Amino acid sequence: MTVVPNNKLLERQAARAEPKLSDKQQRSQEYRLAQAVPSLGAAYAQARARWIGDPVLRLVGVPIITECYRSAERQDELYRQGRSKPGPVVTYKRGGESKHNHLPCPALDVAFLLADGSVSWSGLLLSKFARLMKAADARVCWGGDWRRFKDRPHFEV
């Protein structure tokens, strides 16, 4: 029998801790989901429920909506990133050109809240989530399937 020191045991338990949204984060998620067109919102809700219903996936991270609707000004700000502002290019669409710029919004971006409170945009996790989204509604398009610019966090109808 192997004896595990208490601090190592706590580290293992913490590593297996289930990610939890705070009340404020939960309200933010509800607000963002309400911005989505009904079919996209329903697909996301179903895919998220299936993810959380899986005991292994649930421990890896919890899907969260990082953005749904965004103003033309916010879109232009993101467009400048990697061009006139530091950082990587994250969009090729200017304000008014993105599906994110409409209400109700036919697009949303997803990431994963991890147990330690950090956020991950893991391509592997997003590809697994994309399968659930597309299974929930065949009209869902995933940015990771695009030929030119891979936008893995992006889902749209």
N, C-alpha and C. Protein backbone atom coordinates (compact mmCIF):
# COMPACT_ATOMS: atom_id res chain seq x y z
N MET A 1 0.85 -1.18 0.00
CA MET A 1 0.00 0.00 0.00
C MET A 1 0.88 1.24 0.00
N THR A 2 0.57 2.19 -0.87
CA THR A 2 1.33 3.43 -0.95
C THR A 2 0.67 4.47 -0.07
N VAL A 3 1.47 5.11 0.75
CA VAL A 3 0.97 6.19 1.60
C VAL A 3 1.26 7.51 0.90
N VAL A 4 0.23 8.30 0.71
CA VAL A 4 0.37 9.59 0.05
C VAL A 4 0.35 10.67 1.12
N PRO A 5 1.39 11.52 1.17
CA PRO A 5 1.38 12.61 2.15
C PRO A 5 0.14 13.48 1.99
N ASN A 6 -0.34 14.06 3.09
CA ASN A 6 -1.57 14.87 3.07
C ASN A 6 -1.54 15.97 2.02
N ASN A 7 -0.41 16.68 1.89
CA ASN A 7 -0.37 17.77 0.92
C ASN A 7 -0.50 17.25 -0.51
N LYS A 8 0.07 16.09 -0.80
CA LYS A 8 -0.07 15.50 -2.14
C LYS A 8 -1.51 15.05 -2.39
N LEU A 9 -2.14 14.50 -1.36
CA LEU A 9 -3.52 14.07 -1.48
C LEU A 9 -4.42 15.28 -1.77
N LEU A 10 -4.19 16.38 -1.08
CA LEU A 10 -4.97 17.59 -1.31
C LEU A 10 -4.75 18.12 -2.73
N GLU A 11 -3.51 18.05 -3.21
CA GLU A 11 -3.22 18.49 -4.56
C GLU A 11 -3.98 17.64 -5.58
N ARG A 12 -4.01 16.34 -5.36
CA ARG A 12 -4.75 15.45 -6.27
C ARG A 12 -6.24 15.76 -6.25
N GLN A 13 -6.77 15.98 -5.05
CA GLN A 13 -8.20 16.29 -4.94
C GLN A 13 -8.51 17.63 -5.61
N ALA A 14 -7.61 18.62 -5.43
CA ALA A 14 -7.81 19.93 -6.06
C ALA A 14 -7.76 19.80 -7.58
N ALA A 15 -6.86 18.94 -8.07
CA ALA A 15 -6.75 18.74 -9.52
C ALA A 15 -8.03 18.12 -10.08
N ARG A 16 -8.75 17.37 -9.26
CA ARG A 16 -9.99 16.73 -9.70
C ARG A 16 -11.23 17.56 -9.34
N ALA A 17 -11.01 18.72 -8.77
CA ALA A 17 -12.13 19.55 -8.37
C ALA A 17 -12.92 19.98 -9.61
N GLU A 18 -14.20 20.01 -9.46
CA GLU A 18 -15.08 20.41 -10.56
C GLU A 18 -15.10 21.93 -10.66
N PRO A 19 -14.91 22.48 -11.86
CA PRO A 19 -14.98 23.93 -12.02
C PRO A 19 -16.38 24.43 -11.68
N LYS A 20 -16.45 25.54 -11.00
CA LYS A 20 -17.74 26.12 -10.60
C LYS A 20 -17.78 27.59 -10.99
N LEU A 21 -18.92 28.01 -11.51
CA LEU A 21 -19.14 29.42 -11.80
C LEU A 21 -19.61 30.14 -10.55
N SER A 22 -19.10 31.34 -10.34
CA SER A 22 -19.61 32.17 -9.25
C SER A 22 -21.00 32.66 -9.64
N ASP A 23 -21.73 33.22 -8.70
CA ASP A 23 -23.06 33.76 -9.00
C ASP A 23 -22.96 34.84 -10.08
N LYS A 24 -21.96 35.70 -9.98
CA LYS A 24 -21.77 36.77 -10.96
C LYS A 24 -21.47 36.18 -12.34
N GLN A 25 -20.60 35.16 -12.40
CA GLN A 25 -20.29 34.51 -13.67
C GLN A 25 -21.53 33.83 -14.25
N GLN A 26 -22.33 33.22 -13.40
CA GLN A 26 -23.56 32.56 -13.85
C GLN A 26 -24.52 33.57 -14.46
N ARG A 27 -24.68 34.72 -13.81
CA ARG A 27 -25.56 35.77 -14.35
C ARG A 27 -25.04 36.27 -15.70
N SER A 28 -23.72 36.42 -15.81
CA SER A 28 -23.11 36.85 -17.06
C SER A 28 -23.37 35.84 -18.17
N GLN A 29 -23.27 34.55 -17.85
CA GLN A 29 -23.54 33.51 -18.84
C GLN A 29 -25.00 33.56 -19.29
N GLU A 30 -25.92 33.74 -18.38
CA GLU A 30 -27.34 33.81 -18.72
C GLU A 30 -27.62 35.01 -19.62
N TYR A 31 -26.97 36.14 -19.31
CA TYR A 31 -27.13 37.36 -20.11
C TYR A 31 -26.63 37.13 -21.53
N ARG A 32 -25.45 36.54 -21.66
CA ARG A 32 -24.87 36.29 -22.99
C ARG A 32 -25.71 35.29 -23.78
N LEU A 33 -26.15 34.24 -23.12
CA LEU A 33 -26.97 33.23 -23.80
C LEU A 33 -28.28 33.83 -24.28
N ALA A 34 -28.85 34.75 -23.53
CA ALA A 34 -30.11 35.40 -23.93
C ALA A 34 -29.94 36.26 -25.17
N GLN A 35 -28.71 36.65 -25.50
CA GLN A 35 -28.45 37.46 -26.69
C GLN A 35 -28.49 36.63 -27.97
N ALA A 36 -28.32 35.32 -27.86
CA ALA A 36 -28.22 34.45 -29.03
C ALA A 36 -29.57 34.20 -29.67
N VAL A 37 -29.56 33.96 -30.99
CA VAL A 37 -30.79 33.55 -31.66
C VAL A 37 -31.24 32.25 -30.99
N PRO A 38 -32.54 32.00 -30.93
CA PRO A 38 -33.03 30.83 -30.19
C PRO A 38 -32.40 29.50 -30.59
N SER A 39 -32.21 29.26 -31.88
CA SER A 39 -31.66 27.96 -32.29
C SER A 39 -30.22 27.78 -31.81
N LEU A 40 -29.42 28.83 -31.84
CA LEU A 40 -28.03 28.74 -31.37
C LEU A 40 -28.00 28.60 -29.85
N GLY A 41 -28.83 29.36 -29.17
CA GLY A 41 -28.91 29.26 -27.72
C GLY A 41 -29.32 27.86 -27.27
N ALA A 42 -30.29 27.28 -27.97
CA ALA A 42 -30.75 25.94 -27.62
C ALA A 42 -29.66 24.90 -27.88
N ALA A 43 -28.94 25.05 -28.99
CA ALA A 43 -27.85 24.11 -29.30
C ALA A 43 -26.75 24.21 -28.25
N TYR A 44 -26.41 25.43 -27.85
CA TYR A 44 -25.39 25.61 -26.83
C TYR A 44 -25.84 24.99 -25.51
N ALA A 45 -27.07 25.27 -25.11
CA ALA A 45 -27.58 24.74 -23.83
C ALA A 45 -27.57 23.21 -23.84
N GLN A 46 -27.97 22.60 -24.95
CA GLN A 46 -27.98 21.14 -25.04
C GLN A 46 -26.55 20.59 -25.01
N ALA A 47 -25.64 21.20 -25.78
CA ALA A 47 -24.26 20.72 -25.82
C ALA A 47 -23.60 20.88 -24.45
N ARG A 48 -23.87 21.99 -23.78
CA ARG A 48 -23.30 22.22 -22.44
C ARG A 48 -23.83 21.20 -21.44
N ALA A 49 -25.12 20.91 -21.52
CA ALA A 49 -25.71 19.93 -20.60
C ALA A 49 -25.10 18.54 -20.83
N ARG A 50 -24.88 18.18 -22.08
CA ARG A 50 -24.26 16.88 -22.37
C ARG A 50 -22.81 16.86 -21.86
N TRP A 51 -22.10 17.99 -22.02
CA TRP A 51 -20.72 18.09 -21.54
C TRP A 51 -20.68 17.90 -20.03
N ILE A 52 -21.51 18.65 -19.33
CA ILE A 52 -21.53 18.61 -17.86
C ILE A 52 -22.05 17.26 -17.37
N GLY A 53 -22.87 16.61 -18.16
CA GLY A 53 -23.38 15.29 -17.80
C GLY A 53 -22.35 14.18 -17.91
N ASP A 54 -21.25 14.46 -18.57
CA ASP A 54 -20.18 13.47 -18.70
C ASP A 54 -19.21 13.66 -17.53
N PRO A 55 -19.03 12.64 -16.69
CA PRO A 55 -18.20 12.81 -15.49
C PRO A 55 -16.74 13.15 -15.77
N VAL A 56 -16.22 12.74 -16.91
CA VAL A 56 -14.82 13.06 -17.24
C VAL A 56 -14.72 14.47 -17.80
N LEU A 57 -15.54 14.80 -18.77
CA LEU A 57 -15.50 16.13 -19.37
C LEU A 57 -15.77 17.22 -18.35
N ARG A 58 -16.71 16.97 -17.45
CA ARG A 58 -17.07 17.94 -16.42
C ARG A 58 -15.86 18.32 -15.57
N LEU A 59 -14.98 17.36 -15.32
CA LEU A 59 -13.79 17.64 -14.50
C LEU A 59 -12.72 18.39 -15.28
N VAL A 60 -12.72 18.27 -16.60
CA VAL A 60 -11.72 18.94 -17.43
C VAL A 60 -11.96 20.44 -17.43
N GLY A 61 -13.20 20.85 -17.56
CA GLY A 61 -13.55 22.26 -17.61
C GLY A 61 -15.02 22.42 -17.95
N VAL A 62 -15.53 23.61 -17.71
CA VAL A 62 -16.94 23.91 -17.96
C VAL A 62 -17.01 24.89 -19.13
N PRO A 63 -17.80 24.59 -20.18
CA PRO A 63 -17.95 25.53 -21.28
C PRO A 63 -18.57 26.85 -20.80
N ILE A 64 -18.02 27.94 -21.29
CA ILE A 64 -18.57 29.27 -21.00
C ILE A 64 -18.62 30.08 -22.28
N ILE A 65 -19.58 30.98 -22.36
CA ILE A 65 -19.67 31.89 -23.50
C ILE A 65 -18.82 33.11 -23.16
N THR A 66 -17.79 33.36 -23.97
CA THR A 66 -16.94 34.52 -23.72
C THR A 66 -17.50 35.77 -24.38
N GLU A 67 -18.17 35.58 -25.53
CA GLU A 67 -18.85 36.70 -26.19
C GLU A 67 -19.98 36.17 -27.05
N CYS A 68 -21.04 36.96 -27.11
CA CYS A 68 -22.12 36.68 -28.04
C CYS A 68 -22.26 37.97 -28.85
N TYR A 69 -23.20 38.83 -28.49
CA TYR A 69 -23.32 40.11 -29.19
C TYR A 69 -22.13 41.00 -28.85
N ARG A 70 -21.64 41.71 -29.86
CA ARG A 70 -20.65 42.77 -29.61
C ARG A 70 -20.97 43.96 -30.51
N SER A 71 -20.76 45.13 -29.98
CA SER A 71 -21.04 46.36 -30.73
C SER A 71 -20.06 46.50 -31.89
N ALA A 72 -20.40 47.38 -32.83
CA ALA A 72 -19.49 47.67 -33.95
C ALA A 72 -18.19 48.26 -33.42
N GLU A 73 -18.28 49.06 -32.36
CA GLU A 73 -17.07 49.65 -31.76
C GLU A 73 -16.16 48.57 -31.19
N ARG A 74 -16.75 47.60 -30.49
CA ARG A 74 -15.96 46.49 -29.93
C ARG A 74 -15.37 45.66 -31.07
N GLN A 75 -16.13 45.46 -32.13
CA GLN A 75 -15.63 44.71 -33.29
C GLN A 75 -14.43 45.42 -33.90
N ASP A 76 -14.52 46.74 -34.06
CA ASP A 76 -13.40 47.51 -34.60
C ASP A 76 -12.17 47.43 -33.69
N GLU A 77 -12.42 47.44 -32.39
CA GLU A 77 -11.32 47.30 -31.42
C GLU A 77 -10.61 45.95 -31.62
N LEU A 78 -11.38 44.89 -31.78
CA LEU A 78 -10.79 43.57 -32.02
C LEU A 78 -10.09 43.51 -33.38
N TYR A 79 -10.65 44.19 -34.37
CA TYR A 79 -10.03 44.22 -35.70
C TYR A 79 -8.65 44.88 -35.64
N ARG A 80 -8.50 45.91 -34.82
CA ARG A 80 -7.21 46.61 -34.70
C ARG A 80 -6.14 45.73 -34.06
N GLN A 81 -6.57 44.74 -33.26
CA GLN A 81 -5.60 43.86 -32.60
C GLN A 81 -4.82 43.09 -33.65
N GLY A 82 -3.50 43.12 -33.51
CA GLY A 82 -2.63 42.45 -34.48
C GLY A 82 -2.33 43.32 -35.69
N ARG A 83 -2.93 44.49 -35.72
CA ARG A 83 -2.67 45.43 -36.80
C ARG A 83 -2.07 46.70 -36.19
N SER A 84 -2.91 47.61 -35.73
CA SER A 84 -2.39 48.84 -35.12
C SER A 84 -2.25 48.72 -33.60
N LYS A 85 -2.73 47.62 -33.03
CA LYS A 85 -2.59 47.35 -31.59
C LYS A 85 -1.83 46.04 -31.42
N PRO A 86 -1.12 45.89 -30.28
CA PRO A 86 -0.39 44.64 -30.07
C PRO A 86 -1.32 43.45 -29.88
N GLY A 87 -0.77 42.28 -30.14
CA GLY A 87 -1.51 41.03 -29.97
C GLY A 87 -1.73 40.33 -31.29
N PRO A 88 -2.21 39.10 -31.22
CA PRO A 88 -2.47 38.35 -32.46
C PRO A 88 -3.75 38.82 -33.14
N VAL A 89 -3.83 38.63 -34.44
CA VAL A 89 -5.06 38.93 -35.18
C VAL A 89 -6.12 37.95 -34.70
N VAL A 90 -7.28 38.48 -34.32
CA VAL A 90 -8.37 37.63 -33.84
C VAL A 90 -9.60 37.68 -34.73
N THR A 91 -9.63 38.64 -35.67
CA THR A 91 -10.78 38.73 -36.57
C THR A 91 -10.36 39.41 -37.87
N TYR A 92 -11.08 39.07 -38.93
CA TYR A 92 -10.89 39.73 -40.22
C TYR A 92 -12.11 40.57 -40.56
N LYS A 93 -13.02 40.71 -39.62
CA LYS A 93 -14.25 41.46 -39.84
C LYS A 93 -14.20 42.79 -39.08
N ARG A 94 -14.58 43.86 -39.76
CA ARG A 94 -14.69 45.18 -39.13
C ARG A 94 -16.08 45.32 -38.52
N GLY A 95 -16.26 46.39 -37.76
CA GLY A 95 -17.56 46.65 -37.14
C GLY A 95 -18.68 46.65 -38.16
N GLY A 96 -19.74 45.90 -37.86
CA GLY A 96 -20.89 45.79 -38.75
C GLY A 96 -20.80 44.62 -39.71
N GLU A 97 -19.61 44.02 -39.87
CA GLU A 97 -19.42 42.92 -40.81
C GLU A 97 -19.53 41.54 -40.16
N SER A 98 -19.46 41.50 -38.85
CA SER A 98 -19.44 40.22 -38.13
C SER A 98 -20.84 39.79 -37.72
N LYS A 99 -21.05 38.49 -37.67
CA LYS A 99 -22.32 37.98 -37.17
C LYS A 99 -22.51 38.34 -35.70
N HIS A 100 -21.43 38.64 -34.99
CA HIS A 100 -21.52 39.06 -33.59
C HIS A 100 -22.17 40.43 -33.45
N ASN A 101 -22.31 41.19 -34.54
CA ASN A 101 -22.79 42.57 -34.47
C ASN A 101 -24.30 42.71 -34.65
N HIS A 102 -25.03 41.62 -34.47
CA HIS A 102 -26.49 41.64 -34.65
C HIS A 102 -27.19 41.11 -33.40
N LEU A 103 -28.39 41.64 -33.16
CA LEU A 103 -29.23 41.13 -32.07
C LEU A 103 -30.58 40.74 -32.65
N PRO A 104 -31.13 39.59 -32.36
CA PRO A 104 -30.45 38.53 -31.62
C PRO A 104 -29.23 38.06 -32.41
N CYS A 105 -28.26 37.54 -31.69
CA CYS A 105 -26.96 37.25 -32.25
C CYS A 105 -26.86 35.82 -32.78
N PRO A 106 -26.48 35.66 -34.06
CA PRO A 106 -26.34 34.32 -34.61
C PRO A 106 -24.94 33.72 -34.40
N ALA A 107 -24.15 34.31 -33.49
CA ALA A 107 -22.79 33.80 -33.24
C ALA A 107 -22.46 33.91 -31.76
N LEU A 108 -21.64 32.97 -31.30
CA LEU A 108 -21.10 33.06 -29.94
C LEU A 108 -19.73 32.43 -29.90
N ASP A 109 -18.93 32.88 -28.94
CA ASP A 109 -17.58 32.35 -28.73
C ASP A 109 -17.55 31.61 -27.41
N VAL A 110 -16.85 30.48 -27.41
CA VAL A 110 -16.81 29.59 -26.24
C VAL A 110 -15.37 29.38 -25.79
N ALA A 111 -15.21 29.25 -24.48
CA ALA A 111 -13.94 28.84 -23.87
C ALA A 111 -14.32 27.90 -22.73
N PHE A 112 -13.34 27.53 -21.92
CA PHE A 112 -13.60 26.60 -20.81
C PHE A 112 -13.06 27.17 -19.52
N LEU A 113 -13.92 27.19 -18.50
CA LEU A 113 -13.50 27.57 -17.16
C LEU A 113 -12.90 26.33 -16.51
N LEU A 114 -11.66 26.45 -16.05
CA LEU A 114 -10.97 25.32 -15.42
C LEU A 114 -11.14 25.38 -13.91
N ALA A 115 -10.84 24.28 -13.24
CA ALA A 115 -11.05 24.18 -11.80
C ALA A 115 -10.26 25.23 -11.03
N ASP A 116 -9.10 25.64 -11.55
CA ASP A 116 -8.28 26.62 -10.84
C ASP A 116 -8.74 28.06 -11.09
N GLY A 117 -9.83 28.22 -11.84
CA GLY A 117 -10.38 29.54 -12.11
C GLY A 117 -9.87 30.17 -13.39
N SER A 118 -8.90 29.54 -14.03
CA SER A 118 -8.37 30.08 -15.29
C SER A 118 -9.30 29.70 -16.44
N VAL A 119 -9.07 30.33 -17.59
CA VAL A 119 -9.88 30.08 -18.78
C VAL A 119 -8.98 29.50 -19.86
N SER A 120 -9.48 28.49 -20.57
CA SER A 120 -8.72 27.83 -21.62
C SER A 120 -9.47 27.90 -22.95
N TRP A 121 -8.71 28.13 -24.02
CA TRP A 121 -9.23 28.08 -25.37
C TRP A 121 -8.59 26.88 -26.09
N SER A 122 -8.47 25.77 -25.40
CA SER A 122 -7.84 24.57 -25.94
C SER A 122 -8.55 24.11 -27.21
N GLY A 123 -7.76 23.94 -28.27
CA GLY A 123 -8.32 23.45 -29.53
C GLY A 123 -8.92 22.07 -29.38
N LEU A 124 -8.31 21.23 -28.55
CA LEU A 124 -8.84 19.88 -28.33
C LEU A 124 -10.20 19.93 -27.65
N LEU A 125 -10.31 20.72 -26.59
CA LEU A 125 -11.60 20.83 -25.90
C LEU A 125 -12.66 21.44 -26.82
N LEU A 126 -12.27 22.47 -27.56
CA LEU A 126 -13.23 23.12 -28.46
C LEU A 126 -13.68 22.17 -29.57
N SER A 127 -12.79 21.32 -30.06
CA SER A 127 -13.22 20.37 -31.10
C SER A 127 -14.19 19.34 -30.53
N LYS A 128 -13.98 18.92 -29.29
CA LYS A 128 -14.93 18.00 -28.65
C LYS A 128 -16.29 18.69 -28.45
N PHE A 129 -16.25 19.94 -28.02
CA PHE A 129 -17.48 20.68 -27.82
C PHE A 129 -18.19 20.94 -29.15
N ALA A 130 -17.41 21.16 -30.20
CA ALA A 130 -18.01 21.40 -31.53
C ALA A 130 -18.83 20.20 -31.97
N ARG A 131 -18.36 19.00 -31.69
CA ARG A 131 -19.14 17.81 -32.06
C ARG A 131 -20.50 17.81 -31.35
N LEU A 132 -20.49 18.21 -30.08
CA LEU A 132 -21.76 18.26 -29.34
C LEU A 132 -22.67 19.36 -29.88
N MET A 133 -22.10 20.50 -30.24
CA MET A 133 -22.90 21.60 -30.79
C MET A 133 -23.53 21.19 -32.12
N LYS A 134 -22.76 20.57 -32.99
CA LYS A 134 -23.28 20.17 -34.29
C LYS A 134 -24.28 19.03 -34.17
N ALA A 135 -24.11 18.17 -33.17
CA ALA A 135 -25.08 17.10 -32.93
C ALA A 135 -26.39 17.69 -32.41
N ALA A 136 -26.30 18.78 -31.65
CA ALA A 136 -27.50 19.42 -31.11
C ALA A 136 -28.31 20.11 -32.20
N ASP A 137 -27.62 20.66 -33.21
CA ASP A 137 -28.32 21.35 -34.31
C ASP A 137 -27.40 21.33 -35.53
N ALA A 138 -27.83 20.68 -36.58
CA ALA A 138 -27.01 20.53 -37.79
C ALA A 138 -26.73 21.86 -38.48
N ARG A 139 -27.48 22.91 -38.13
CA ARG A 139 -27.25 24.22 -38.74
C ARG A 139 -26.07 24.95 -38.12
N VAL A 140 -25.55 24.46 -37.02
CA VAL A 140 -24.42 25.12 -36.35
C VAL A 140 -23.15 24.92 -37.18
N CYS A 141 -22.46 26.03 -37.42
CA CYS A 141 -21.16 26.01 -38.10
C CYS A 141 -20.10 26.35 -37.06
N TRP A 142 -19.00 25.62 -37.12
CA TRP A 142 -17.90 25.84 -36.18
C TRP A 142 -16.73 26.51 -36.91
N GLY A 143 -16.20 27.56 -36.31
CA GLY A 143 -15.07 28.28 -36.89
C GLY A 143 -13.82 27.43 -37.05
N GLY A 144 -13.72 26.34 -36.31
CA GLY A 144 -12.58 25.43 -36.45
C GLY A 144 -12.62 24.64 -37.74
N ASP A 145 -13.78 24.61 -38.41
CA ASP A 145 -13.91 23.90 -39.69
C ASP A 145 -13.58 24.80 -40.89
N TRP A 146 -13.41 26.09 -40.64
CA TRP A 146 -13.16 27.01 -41.75
C TRP A 146 -11.80 26.72 -42.37
N ARG A 147 -11.72 26.92 -43.67
CA ARG A 147 -10.49 26.62 -44.41
C ARG A 147 -9.39 27.64 -44.18
N ARG A 148 -9.70 28.91 -44.23
CA ARG A 148 -8.65 29.93 -44.20
C ARG A 148 -8.26 30.32 -42.78
N PHE A 149 -9.17 30.89 -42.05
CA PHE A 149 -8.88 31.40 -40.70
C PHE A 149 -9.59 30.50 -39.70
N LYS A 150 -8.84 29.72 -38.95
CA LYS A 150 -9.42 28.83 -37.95
C LYS A 150 -9.79 29.66 -36.72
N ASP A 151 -11.09 29.77 -36.46
CA ASP A 151 -11.59 30.52 -35.31
C ASP A 151 -12.29 29.51 -34.39
N ARG A 152 -11.47 28.73 -33.69
CA ARG A 152 -11.99 27.59 -32.91
C ARG A 152 -13.01 27.96 -31.83
N PRO A 153 -12.91 29.11 -31.18
CA PRO A 153 -13.93 29.43 -30.17
C PRO A 153 -15.30 29.80 -30.77
N HIS A 154 -15.38 30.01 -32.07
CA HIS A 154 -16.56 30.60 -32.72
C HIS A 154 -17.56 29.54 -33.21
N PHE A 155 -18.83 29.80 -32.87
CA PHE A 155 -19.96 28.97 -33.36
C PHE A 155 -21.01 29.92 -33.91
N GLU A 156 -21.65 29.52 -35.02
CA GLU A 156 -22.69 30.37 -35.60
C GLU A 156 -23.73 29.55 -36.33
N VAL A 157 -24.88 30.18 -36.54
CA VAL A 157 -25.92 29.59 -37.38
C VAL A 157 -26.21 30.57 -38.51
